[in-house]
Each structure stands twice: as C-alpha cells, then as structure tokens.
C-alpha cells in the first residue's frame, strides 16, 4: 500500500473518530480539564517559586544543572504525565463503553481513572524519569545531545502509542506496559502513521481557521482581546483534536484486542496498521 493510500485511510479513520466525538460531545471535557489542570497546577508552582525567589539569578538559590534544579524538572514532568494520562484514560474508558453500546458518562470515565490511580502514578514516575534522563543528556552533551534526545523522543512517542489503554486494561507495571505498547505497535503499524499525520494536518488547518479570524475580531476591540480570543480558539481546536486522537487510539487498541468497535471501518484500521511484508 502506497503512502498516499495510507494517508487517505488515515484521513478517513480520523473522520470516523470525529463521528464518535460528535455523538458523545461530552468527551471533549477530558482534554479541556487536562489542559486547565496543567495550567493551574504548573502555573501556580511557577508563581510560588517566583515569589519565593528560587529563580532569582542574583540569589542563585537553585542554579541550573544542580540537584535541586533537576528535582523541580522531574516534578513538572511527573505532574504533566499524571494529569494527561489520568484524563486520557477516562476518555478511553468512555469510548470503550460507547463501543460496547453502554451508557457514556463523564462520571464513569473519572471513576475508572480513580480506580487505576496507582497504575497511573507508577507510569507517570517512569515516564518522568525517562524525561529527566533525556533532559540531562540534552543539557550536558551539547548539540549531539539535542540530536540524540530528539531521535529518542520520536521513538518514545511511537513506542508509547498504546500505553494508556494498556495501563487501563492490562495489569502490567510501567516497564511491562512500555514493552507491551511497543509490541502492539511493532505488530500493527505499517509504512507510516498516516492517521497521526492527518490529525496534525487537521489541527494545523483548524488553528488557522479559528485563530486568525478570532484574532482579527478581537483586534477591533483591544489588542489584549485579540490575543485572548486567538488563544481561546487555539485551545478549543487542540482540545477537539486531542479528544479525537484518543478515540482513534482506543478504537485501534480495541480492534487489536478483538473488542467490537462501532462507527469505524475495521478493515481500514487493519490496513493502516498492518505489518510490513517481508520481500
């Protein structure tokens, strides 16, 4: 199958994922809550540390590359991974209910994430540790470190493609979940992740379509209003795409594990993630 065939399939699967979101509009609340939670928690952290003078260069309380500095970076990574996985898992569980023909509620998704909070925290610690190691390499090995961490970052994103549903439904530790997600991807991905490219393209076009008009409208009122409306438009677009991507991941995962999936062309999903044939 050519790249353009896969791109077409990825686009169609993305559109089918949008249909699921359209029928369950309440699912958009999960990426919205995720984004707001990150903004509030990390924003509050930086505000408090700034007020305390920790980042004051003159006092030099926590210099770069010190143990304290890396502990703060680890804490930020930990919070980020925990919040994102928590709300993504809630969304994935809601899609599972939908695929099974059961009632879909925000409460059911949140309750399920709370029931798996130990597994979520364990994964967040594991992922934050990996992130910290990459940060240390990036800051201490010069330009070579940036190249190395960039390549590892891409491989990490591919390998962890299925990690949230794996953590949600398979009783595995962080390392085993990483290996399981990698195995699923290795067995099922084809010549390209055309769907991911499609989502990226849709998000880019959506940001242009929403951000620019809102900015122009706001500029008629006040420059601050222009920026505020543009940021709001971008946030909404990103939230919609994030929710749809998570629905896509859930659909493919449940297809792989043999669960029924509604409103998606399963043959198309299989083709998109089919294993390369040996020549």
C-alpha atoms as a PDB file:
ATOM      1  CA  UNK A   1       0.000   0.000   0.000  1.00  0.00           C
ATOM      2  CA  UNK A   2       1.411   3.374  -1.039  1.00  0.00           C
ATOM      3  CA  UNK A   3       1.949   6.330   1.268  1.00  0.00           C
ATOM      4  CA  UNK A   4      -0.925   8.218  -0.356  1.00  0.00           C
ATOM      5  CA  UNK A   5      -3.282   5.251   0.126  1.00  0.00           C
ATOM      6  CA  UNK A   6      -2.350   5.185   3.784  1.00  0.00           C
ATOM      7  CA  UNK A   7      -2.788   8.939   4.020  1.00  0.00           C
ATOM      8  CA  UNK A   8      -6.277   8.564   2.559  1.00  0.00           C
ATOM      9  CA  UNK A   9      -7.091   5.753   5.006  1.00  0.00           C
ATOM     10  CA  UNK A  10      -5.741   7.753   7.921  1.00  0.00           C
ATOM     11  CA  UNK A  11      -7.867  10.718   6.920  1.00  0.00           C
ATOM     12  CA  UNK A  12     -10.993   8.516   6.740  1.00  0.00           C
ATOM     13  CA  UNK A  13     -10.289   6.962  10.131  1.00  0.00           C
ATOM     14  CA  UNK A  14      -9.817  10.433  11.574  1.00  0.00           C
ATOM     15  CA  UNK A  15     -13.183  11.462  10.164  1.00  0.00           C
ATOM     16  CA  UNK A  16     -14.798   8.367  11.695  1.00  0.00           C
ATOM     17  CA  UNK A  17     -13.223   9.244  15.035  1.00  0.00           C
ATOM     18  CA  UNK A  18     -14.777  12.693  14.756  1.00  0.00           C
ATOM     19  CA  UNK A  19     -18.151  10.978  14.327  1.00  0.00           C
ATOM     20  CA  UNK A  20     -17.696   9.237  17.665  1.00  0.00           C
ATOM     21  CA  UNK A  21     -16.880  12.577  19.292  1.00  0.00           C
ATOM     22  CA  UNK A  22     -19.856  14.192  17.582  1.00  0.00           C
ATOM     23  CA  UNK A  23     -22.169  11.566  19.078  1.00  0.00           C
ATOM     24  CA  UNK A  24     -20.538  11.952  22.501  1.00  0.00           C
ATOM     25  CA  UNK A  25     -19.811  15.669  22.739  1.00  0.00           C
ATOM     26  CA  UNK A  26     -19.295  15.428  26.495  1.00  0.00           C
ATOM     27  CA  UNK A  27     -15.981  13.652  25.857  1.00  0.00           C
ATOM     28  CA  UNK A  28     -14.411  16.990  24.950  1.00  0.00           C
ATOM     29  CA  UNK A  29     -14.431  17.806  28.666  1.00  0.00           C
ATOM     30  CA  UNK A  30     -11.480  15.472  29.325  1.00  0.00           C
ATOM     31  CA  UNK A  31      -8.801  17.286  27.256  1.00  0.00           C
ATOM     32  CA  UNK A  32     -10.264  20.598  28.457  1.00  0.00           C
ATOM     33  CA  UNK A  33      -9.902  19.533  32.105  1.00  0.00           C
ATOM     34  CA  UNK A  34      -6.439  18.166  31.362  1.00  0.00           C
ATOM     35  CA  UNK A  35      -5.274  21.459  29.854  1.00  0.00           C
ATOM     36  CA  UNK A  36      -6.820  23.594  32.577  1.00  0.00           C
ATOM     37  CA  UNK A  37      -5.408  21.375  35.334  1.00  0.00           C
ATOM     38  CA  UNK A  38      -1.910  21.610  33.888  1.00  0.00           C
ATOM     39  CA  UNK A  39      -2.258  25.361  33.509  1.00  0.00           C
ATOM     40  CA  UNK A  40      -3.450  25.860  37.080  1.00  0.00           C
ATOM     41  CA  UNK A  41      -1.043  23.464  38.819  1.00  0.00           C
ATOM     42  CA  UNK A  42       2.130  24.265  36.902  1.00  0.00           C
ATOM     43  CA  UNK A  43       1.226  27.964  36.726  1.00  0.00           C
ATOM     44  CA  UNK A  44       0.724  28.043  40.493  1.00  0.00           C
ATOM     45  CA  UNK A  45       4.016  26.238  41.016  1.00  0.00           C
ATOM     46  CA  UNK A  46       5.980  28.749  38.956  1.00  0.00           C
ATOM     47  CA  UNK A  47       4.198  31.652  40.613  1.00  0.00           C
ATOM     48  CA  UNK A  48       5.001  30.396  44.113  1.00  0.00           C
ATOM     49  CA  UNK A  49       8.630  29.631  43.268  1.00  0.00           C
ATOM     50  CA  UNK A  50       8.994  33.037  41.626  1.00  0.00           C
ATOM     51  CA  UNK A  51       7.537  34.773  44.684  1.00  0.00           C
ATOM     52  CA  UNK A  52       9.859  32.812  46.945  1.00  0.00           C
ATOM     53  CA  UNK A  53      12.902  33.950  44.965  1.00  0.00           C
ATOM     54  CA  UNK A  54      14.006  30.467  43.964  1.00  0.00           C
ATOM     55  CA  UNK A  55      14.525  31.530  40.354  1.00  0.00           C
ATOM     56  CA  UNK A  56      16.272  34.774  41.268  1.00  0.00           C
ATOM     57  CA  UNK A  57      19.593  34.812  39.414  1.00  0.00           C
ATOM     58  CA  UNK A  58      21.128  37.163  41.962  1.00  0.00           C
ATOM     59  CA  UNK A  59      20.318  34.891  44.888  1.00  0.00           C
ATOM     60  CA  UNK A  60      21.189  31.851  42.759  1.00  0.00           C
ATOM     61  CA  UNK A  61      19.245  29.588  45.133  1.00  0.00           C
ATOM     62  CA  UNK A  62      18.817  26.809  42.571  1.00  0.00           C
ATOM     63  CA  UNK A  63      21.394  27.092  39.771  1.00  0.00           C
ATOM     64  CA  UNK A  64      20.943  25.225  36.517  1.00  0.00           C
ATOM     65  CA  UNK A  65      22.248  21.641  36.398  1.00  0.00           C
ATOM     66  CA  UNK A  66      22.057  21.337  40.191  1.00  0.00           C
ATOM     67  CA  UNK A  67      20.241  18.546  42.015  1.00  0.00           C
ATOM     68  CA  UNK A  68      17.506  20.935  43.101  1.00  0.00           C
ATOM     69  CA  UNK A  69      17.025  22.126  39.540  1.00  0.00           C
ATOM     70  CA  UNK A  70      16.576  18.584  38.233  1.00  0.00           C
ATOM     71  CA  UNK A  71      14.219  17.698  41.077  1.00  0.00           C
ATOM     72  CA  UNK A  72      11.999  20.589  40.029  1.00  0.00           C
ATOM     73  CA  UNK A  73      12.136  19.452  36.389  1.00  0.00           C
ATOM     74  CA  UNK A  74      11.242  15.909  37.485  1.00  0.00           C
ATOM     75  CA  UNK A  75       8.292  17.246  39.484  1.00  0.00           C
ATOM     76  CA  UNK A  76       6.995  19.169  36.471  1.00  0.00           C
ATOM     77  CA  UNK A  77       7.303  16.084  34.251  1.00  0.00           C
ATOM     78  CA  UNK A  78       5.584  13.953  36.893  1.00  0.00           C
ATOM     79  CA  UNK A  79       2.598  16.299  37.185  1.00  0.00           C
ATOM     80  CA  UNK A  80       2.342  16.615  33.411  1.00  0.00           C
ATOM     81  CA  UNK A  81       2.347  12.866  32.732  1.00  0.00           C
ATOM     82  CA  UNK A  82      -0.006  12.107  35.609  1.00  0.00           C
ATOM     83  CA  UNK A  83      -2.643  14.641  34.575  1.00  0.00           C
ATOM     84  CA  UNK A  84      -2.511  13.828  30.860  1.00  0.00           C
ATOM     85  CA  UNK A  85      -2.715  10.054  31.384  1.00  0.00           C
ATOM     86  CA  UNK A  86      -5.435  10.403  34.042  1.00  0.00           C
ATOM     87  CA  UNK A  87      -7.812  12.289  31.742  1.00  0.00           C
ATOM     88  CA  UNK A  88      -6.857  10.325  28.622  1.00  0.00           C
ATOM     89  CA  UNK A  89      -7.646   7.100  30.464  1.00  0.00           C
ATOM     90  CA  UNK A  90     -11.036   8.490  31.489  1.00  0.00           C
ATOM     91  CA  UNK A  91     -11.755   9.324  27.851  1.00  0.00           C
ATOM     92  CA  UNK A  92     -10.573   5.928  26.627  1.00  0.00           C
ATOM     93  CA  UNK A  93     -12.821   4.182  29.124  1.00  0.00           C
ATOM     94  CA  UNK A  94     -15.782   6.240  27.904  1.00  0.00           C
ATOM     95  CA  UNK A  95     -15.032   5.202  24.328  1.00  0.00           C
ATOM     96  CA  UNK A  96     -14.927   1.583  25.471  1.00  0.00           C
ATOM     97  CA  UNK A  97     -18.395   1.993  26.975  1.00  0.00           C
ATOM     98  CA  UNK A  98     -19.568   3.512  23.718  1.00  0.00           C
ATOM     99  CA  UNK A  99     -18.058   0.730  21.612  1.00  0.00           C
ATOM    100  CA  UNK A 100     -19.881  -1.788  23.805  1.00  0.00           C
ATOM    101  CA  UNK A 101     -23.191   0.040  23.490  1.00  0.00           C
ATOM    102  CA  UNK A 102     -23.239   1.089  27.157  1.00  0.00           C
ATOM    103  CA  UNK A 103     -24.117   4.489  28.590  1.00  0.00           C
ATOM    104  CA  UNK A 104     -21.305   7.021  28.278  1.00  0.00           C
ATOM    105  CA  UNK A 105     -20.896   9.496  31.152  1.00  0.00           C
ATOM    106  CA  UNK A 106     -18.078  11.764  32.303  1.00  0.00           C
ATOM    107  CA  UNK A 107     -18.542  10.398  35.813  1.00  0.00           C
ATOM    108  CA  UNK A 108     -17.934   6.809  34.657  1.00  0.00           C
ATOM    109  CA  UNK A 109     -14.699   7.838  32.972  1.00  0.00           C
ATOM    110  CA  UNK A 110     -13.452   9.748  36.009  1.00  0.00           C
ATOM    111  CA  UNK A 111     -14.347   6.905  38.356  1.00  0.00           C
ATOM    112  CA  UNK A 112     -12.415   4.439  36.244  1.00  0.00           C
ATOM    113  CA  UNK A 113      -9.318   6.641  36.216  1.00  0.00           C
ATOM    114  CA  UNK A 114      -9.519   6.970  40.001  1.00  0.00           C
ATOM    115  CA  UNK A 115      -9.726   3.179  40.243  1.00  0.00           C
ATOM    116  CA  UNK A 116      -6.427   2.956  38.313  1.00  0.00           C
ATOM    117  CA  UNK A 117      -4.712   5.874  40.009  1.00  0.00           C
ATOM    118  CA  UNK A 118      -1.883   3.714  41.366  1.00  0.00           C
ATOM    119  CA  UNK A 119      -1.021   2.445  37.888  1.00  0.00           C
ATOM    120  CA  UNK A 120      -1.255   5.976  36.501  1.00  0.00           C
ATOM    121  CA  UNK A 121       1.118   7.305  39.157  1.00  0.00           C
ATOM    122  CA  UNK A 122       3.591   4.468  38.561  1.00  0.00           C
ATOM    123  CA  UNK A 123       3.626   5.197  34.847  1.00  0.00           C
ATOM    124  CA  UNK A 124       3.992   8.939  35.479  1.00  0.00           C
ATOM    125  CA  UNK A 125       7.068   8.257  37.658  1.00  0.00           C
ATOM    126  CA  UNK A 126       8.556   6.001  34.980  1.00  0.00           C
ATOM    127  CA  UNK A 127       7.894   8.459  32.140  1.00  0.00           C
ATOM    128  CA  UNK A 128       9.135  11.416  34.211  1.00  0.00           C
ATOM    129  CA  UNK A 129      12.370   9.542  34.926  1.00  0.00           C
ATOM    130  CA  UNK A 130      12.896   8.929  31.209  1.00  0.00           C
ATOM    131  CA  UNK A 131      12.115  12.566  30.503  1.00  0.00           C
ATOM    132  CA  UNK A 132      14.585  13.715  33.141  1.00  0.00           C
ATOM    133  CA  UNK A 133      17.346  11.495  31.757  1.00  0.00           C
ATOM    134  CA  UNK A 134      16.772  12.944  28.292  1.00  0.00           C
ATOM    135  CA  UNK A 135      16.867  16.446  29.765  1.00  0.00           C
ATOM    136  CA  UNK A 136      20.219  15.750  31.450  1.00  0.00           C
ATOM    137  CA  UNK A 137      21.654  14.412  28.178  1.00  0.00           C
ATOM    138  CA  UNK A 138      20.286  17.349  26.218  1.00  0.00           C
ATOM    139  CA  UNK A 139      21.828  19.924  28.546  1.00  0.00           C
ATOM    140  CA  UNK A 140      25.195  18.260  29.045  1.00  0.00           C
ATOM    141  CA  UNK A 141      26.180  16.772  25.682  1.00  0.00           C
ATOM    142  CA  UNK A 142      25.866  19.877  23.519  1.00  0.00           C
ATOM    143  CA  UNK A 143      24.416  19.745  20.015  1.00  0.00           C
ATOM    144  CA  UNK A 144      24.916  15.980  19.877  1.00  0.00           C
ATOM    145  CA  UNK A 145      22.721  15.626  22.951  1.00  0.00           C
ATOM    146  CA  UNK A 146      19.928  17.554  21.255  1.00  0.00           C
ATOM    147  CA  UNK A 147      20.073  15.236  18.237  1.00  0.00           C
ATOM    148  CA  UNK A 148      20.149  12.121  20.425  1.00  0.00           C
ATOM    149  CA  UNK A 149      17.242  13.244  22.608  1.00  0.00           C
ATOM    150  CA  UNK A 150      15.269  14.295  19.533  1.00  0.00           C
ATOM    151  CA  UNK A 151      15.602  10.842  17.988  1.00  0.00           C
ATOM    152  CA  UNK A 152      14.824   9.092  21.274  1.00  0.00           C
ATOM    153  CA  UNK A 153      11.815  11.377  21.729  1.00  0.00           C
ATOM    154  CA  UNK A 154      10.379  10.291  18.373  1.00  0.00           C
ATOM    155  CA  UNK A 155      10.948   6.613  19.180  1.00  0.00           C
ATOM    156  CA  UNK A 156       9.391   7.125  22.628  1.00  0.00           C
ATOM    157  CA  UNK A 157       6.245   8.638  21.092  1.00  0.00           C
ATOM    158  CA  UNK A 158       5.887   5.684  18.712  1.00  0.00           C
ATOM    159  CA  UNK A 159       6.611   3.053  21.362  1.00  0.00           C
ATOM    160  CA  UNK A 160       4.095   4.515  23.839  1.00  0.00           C
ATOM    161  CA  UNK A 161       1.300   4.869  21.268  1.00  0.00           C
ATOM    162  CA  UNK A 162      -0.897   2.286  23.040  1.00  0.00           C
ATOM    163  CA  UNK A 163       0.395   2.746  26.571  1.00  0.00           C
ATOM    164  CA  UNK A 164      -2.713   4.436  28.044  1.00  0.00           C
ATOM    165  CA  UNK A 165      -5.178   1.654  27.121  1.00  0.00           C
ATOM    166  CA  UNK A 166      -2.552  -0.919  28.126  1.00  0.00           C
ATOM    167  CA  UNK A 167      -2.246   0.688  31.575  1.00  0.00           C
ATOM    168  CA  UNK A 168      -6.022   0.943  31.761  1.00  0.00           C
ATOM    169  CA  UNK A 169      -6.921  -2.653  30.947  1.00  0.00           C
ATOM    170  CA  UNK A 170      -3.842  -4.821  31.364  1.00  0.00           C
ATOM    171  CA  UNK A 171      -2.414  -5.460  34.796  1.00  0.00           C
ATOM    172  CA  UNK A 172       1.170  -4.522  33.938  1.00  0.00           C
ATOM    173  CA  UNK A 173       3.868  -2.415  35.567  1.00  0.00           C
ATOM    174  CA  UNK A 174       5.351   0.623  33.790  1.00  0.00           C
ATOM    175  CA  UNK A 175       8.211  -1.216  32.071  1.00  0.00           C
ATOM    176  CA  UNK A 176       5.943  -4.088  31.030  1.00  0.00           C
ATOM    177  CA  UNK A 177       3.340  -1.601  29.778  1.00  0.00           C
ATOM    178  CA  UNK A 178       6.025   0.112  27.698  1.00  0.00           C
ATOM    179  CA  UNK A 179       7.112  -3.224  26.222  1.00  0.00           C
ATOM    180  CA  UNK A 180       3.520  -4.260  25.547  1.00  0.00           C
ATOM    181  CA  UNK A 181       2.734  -0.965  23.793  1.00  0.00           C
ATOM    182  CA  UNK A 182       5.925  -1.299  21.731  1.00  0.00           C
ATOM    183  CA  UNK A 183       4.980  -4.858  20.763  1.00  0.00           C
ATOM    184  CA  UNK A 184       1.484  -3.833  19.674  1.00  0.00           C
ATOM    185  CA  UNK A 185       2.920  -1.053  17.556  1.00  0.00           C
ATOM    186  CA  UNK A 186       5.600  -3.316  16.086  1.00  0.00           C
ATOM    187  CA  UNK A 187       2.994  -5.898  15.123  1.00  0.00           C
ATOM    188  CA  UNK A 188       0.431  -3.499  13.695  1.00  0.00           C
ATOM    189  CA  UNK A 189       1.987  -0.378  12.268  1.00  0.00           C
ATOM    190  CA  UNK A 190       2.612  -0.165   8.544  1.00  0.00           C
ATOM    191  CA  UNK A 191       4.739   2.048   6.365  1.00  0.00           C
ATOM    192  CA  UNK A 192       3.563   5.231   8.025  1.00  0.00           C
ATOM    193  CA  UNK A 193       1.310   6.536  10.767  1.00  0.00           C
ATOM    194  CA  UNK A 194      -0.888   8.301   8.242  1.00  0.00           C
ATOM    195  CA  UNK A 195      -3.638   8.927  10.762  1.00  0.00           C
ATOM    196  CA  UNK A 196      -1.262  10.861  13.020  1.00  0.00           C
ATOM    197  CA  UNK A 197      -0.223  12.953  10.037  1.00  0.00           C
ATOM    198  CA  UNK A 198      -3.901  13.525   9.230  1.00  0.00           C
ATOM    199  CA  UNK A 199      -4.665  14.702  12.759  1.00  0.00           C
ATOM    200  CA  UNK A 200      -1.687  17.032  12.624  1.00  0.00           C
ATOM    201  CA  UNK A 201      -2.868  18.483   9.333  1.00  0.00           C
ATOM    202  CA  UNK A 202      -6.426  18.911  10.628  1.00  0.00           C
ATOM    203  CA  UNK A 203      -5.132  20.604  13.768  1.00  0.00           C
ATOM    204  CA  UNK A 204      -2.940  22.984  11.770  1.00  0.00           C
ATOM    205  CA  UNK A 205      -5.817  23.932   9.468  1.00  0.00           C
ATOM    206  CA  UNK A 206      -8.174  24.233  12.434  1.00  0.00           C
ATOM    207  CA  UNK A 207      -5.827  26.571  14.276  1.00  0.00           C
ATOM    208  CA  UNK A 208      -5.564  28.765  11.185  1.00  0.00           C
ATOM    209  CA  UNK A 209      -9.324  28.714  10.642  1.00  0.00           C
ATOM    210  CA  UNK A 210     -10.132  29.554  14.269  1.00  0.00           C
ATOM    211  CA  UNK A 211      -7.156  31.570  15.495  1.00  0.00           C
ATOM    212  CA  UNK A 212      -6.796  34.122  12.707  1.00  0.00           C
ATOM    213  CA  UNK A 213     -10.481  35.199  12.460  1.00  0.00           C
ATOM    214  CA  UNK A 214     -10.809  35.411  16.242  1.00  0.00           C
ATOM    215  CA  UNK A 215      -7.632  37.476  16.441  1.00  0.00           C
ATOM    216  CA  UNK A 216      -8.934  39.866  13.792  1.00  0.00           C
ATOM    217  CA  UNK A 217     -12.292  40.160  15.545  1.00  0.00           C
ATOM    218  CA  UNK A 218     -10.628  40.801  18.894  1.00  0.00           C
ATOM    219  CA  UNK A 219      -8.304  43.396  17.372  1.00  0.00           C
ATOM    220  CA  UNK A 220     -11.347  45.536  16.638  1.00  0.00           C
ATOM    221  CA  UNK A 221     -11.926  45.710  20.383  1.00  0.00           C
ATOM    222  CA  UNK A 222      -8.481  45.710  22.014  1.00  0.00           C
ATOM    223  CA  UNK A 223      -5.079  44.045  21.417  1.00  0.00           C
ATOM    224  CA  UNK A 224      -5.472  42.030  24.622  1.00  0.00           C
ATOM    225  CA  UNK A 225      -8.897  40.834  23.464  1.00  0.00           C
ATOM    226  CA  UNK A 226      -7.366  39.798  20.133  1.00  0.00           C
ATOM    227  CA  UNK A 227      -4.734  37.657  21.855  1.00  0.00           C
ATOM    228  CA  UNK A 228      -7.258  36.245  24.313  1.00  0.00           C
ATOM    229  CA  UNK A 229      -9.734  35.211  21.618  1.00  0.00           C
ATOM    230  CA  UNK A 230      -6.977  33.705  19.466  1.00  0.00           C
ATOM    231  CA  UNK A 231      -5.638  31.672  22.387  1.00  0.00           C
ATOM    232  CA  UNK A 232      -9.173  30.505  23.229  1.00  0.00           C
ATOM    233  CA  UNK A 233      -9.736  29.412  19.630  1.00  0.00           C
ATOM    234  CA  UNK A 234      -6.447  27.506  19.510  1.00  0.00           C
ATOM    235  CA  UNK A 235      -7.207  25.850  22.870  1.00  0.00           C
ATOM    236  CA  UNK A 236     -10.602  24.655  21.628  1.00  0.00           C
ATOM    237  CA  UNK A 237      -9.125  23.264  18.405  1.00  0.00           C
ATOM    238  CA  UNK A 238      -6.340  21.450  20.256  1.00  0.00           C
ATOM    239  CA  UNK A 239      -8.858  20.006  22.744  1.00  0.00           C
ATOM    240  CA  UNK A 240     -11.054  18.671  19.933  1.00  0.00           C
ATOM    241  CA  UNK A 241      -8.106  17.110  18.090  1.00  0.00           C
ATOM    242  CA  UNK A 242      -6.704  15.648  21.321  1.00  0.00           C
ATOM    243  CA  UNK A 243     -10.046  14.008  22.127  1.00  0.00           C
ATOM    244  CA  UNK A 244     -10.357  12.644  18.591  1.00  0.00           C
ATOM    245  CA  UNK A 245      -6.808  11.249  18.611  1.00  0.00           C
ATOM    246  CA  UNK A 246      -7.505   9.464  21.887  1.00  0.00           C
ATOM    247  CA  UNK A 247     -10.699   7.996  20.419  1.00  0.00           C
ATOM    248  CA  UNK A 248      -8.635   6.779  17.466  1.00  0.00           C
ATOM    249  CA  UNK A 249      -6.054   5.132  19.764  1.00  0.00           C
ATOM    250  CA  UNK A 250      -8.844   3.471  21.726  1.00  0.00           C
ATOM    251  CA  UNK A 251     -10.545   2.209  18.564  1.00  0.00           C
ATOM    252  CA  UNK A 252      -7.359   0.684  17.161  1.00  0.00           C
ATOM    253  CA  UNK A 253      -6.413  -0.862  20.513  1.00  0.00           C
ATOM    254  CA  UNK A 254      -9.837  -2.451  20.947  1.00  0.00           C
ATOM    255  CA  UNK A 255      -9.710  -3.706  17.378  1.00  0.00           C
ATOM    256  CA  UNK A 256      -6.324  -5.309  18.035  1.00  0.00           C
ATOM    257  CA  UNK A 257      -7.572  -6.970  21.225  1.00  0.00           C
ATOM    258  CA  UNK A 258     -10.704  -8.252  19.491  1.00  0.00           C
ATOM    259  CA  UNK A 259     -13.324  -5.998  21.085  1.00  0.00           C
ATOM    260  CA  UNK A 260     -16.155  -4.733  18.863  1.00  0.00           C
ATOM    261  CA  UNK A 261     -15.727  -1.182  17.594  1.00  0.00           C
ATOM    262  CA  UNK A 262     -18.631   0.785  16.147  1.00  0.00           C
ATOM    263  CA  UNK A 263     -18.525   3.545  13.528  1.00  0.00           C
ATOM    264  CA  UNK A 264     -15.040   2.684  12.270  1.00  0.00           C
ATOM    265  CA  UNK A 265     -14.080   0.746   9.177  1.00  0.00           C
ATOM    266  CA  UNK A 266     -12.166  -2.099  10.813  1.00  0.00           C
ATOM    267  CA  UNK A 267     -10.659  -3.285   7.535  1.00  0.00           C
ATOM    268  CA  UNK A 268      -9.256   0.197   7.052  1.00  0.00           C
ATOM    269  CA  UNK A 269      -7.820   0.163  10.578  1.00  0.00           C
ATOM    270  CA  UNK A 270      -6.157  -3.156   9.902  1.00  0.00           C
ATOM    271  CA  UNK A 271      -4.639  -1.880   6.649  1.00  0.00           C
ATOM    272  CA  UNK A 272      -3.292   1.226   8.309  1.00  0.00           C
ATOM    273  CA  UNK A 273      -1.525  -0.762  10.990  1.00  0.00           C
ATOM    274  CA  UNK A 274      -0.735  -3.928   9.053  1.00  0.00           C
ATOM    275  CA  UNK A 275       2.706  -5.469   9.404  1.00  0.00           C
ATOM    276  CA  UNK A 276       5.178  -4.948   6.590  1.00  0.00           C
ATOM    277  CA  UNK A 277       5.548  -7.954   4.364  1.00  0.00           C
ATOM    278  CA  UNK A 278       8.975  -9.466   4.006  1.00  0.00           C
ATOM    279  CA  UNK A 279      10.270  -9.196   0.456  1.00  0.00           C
END
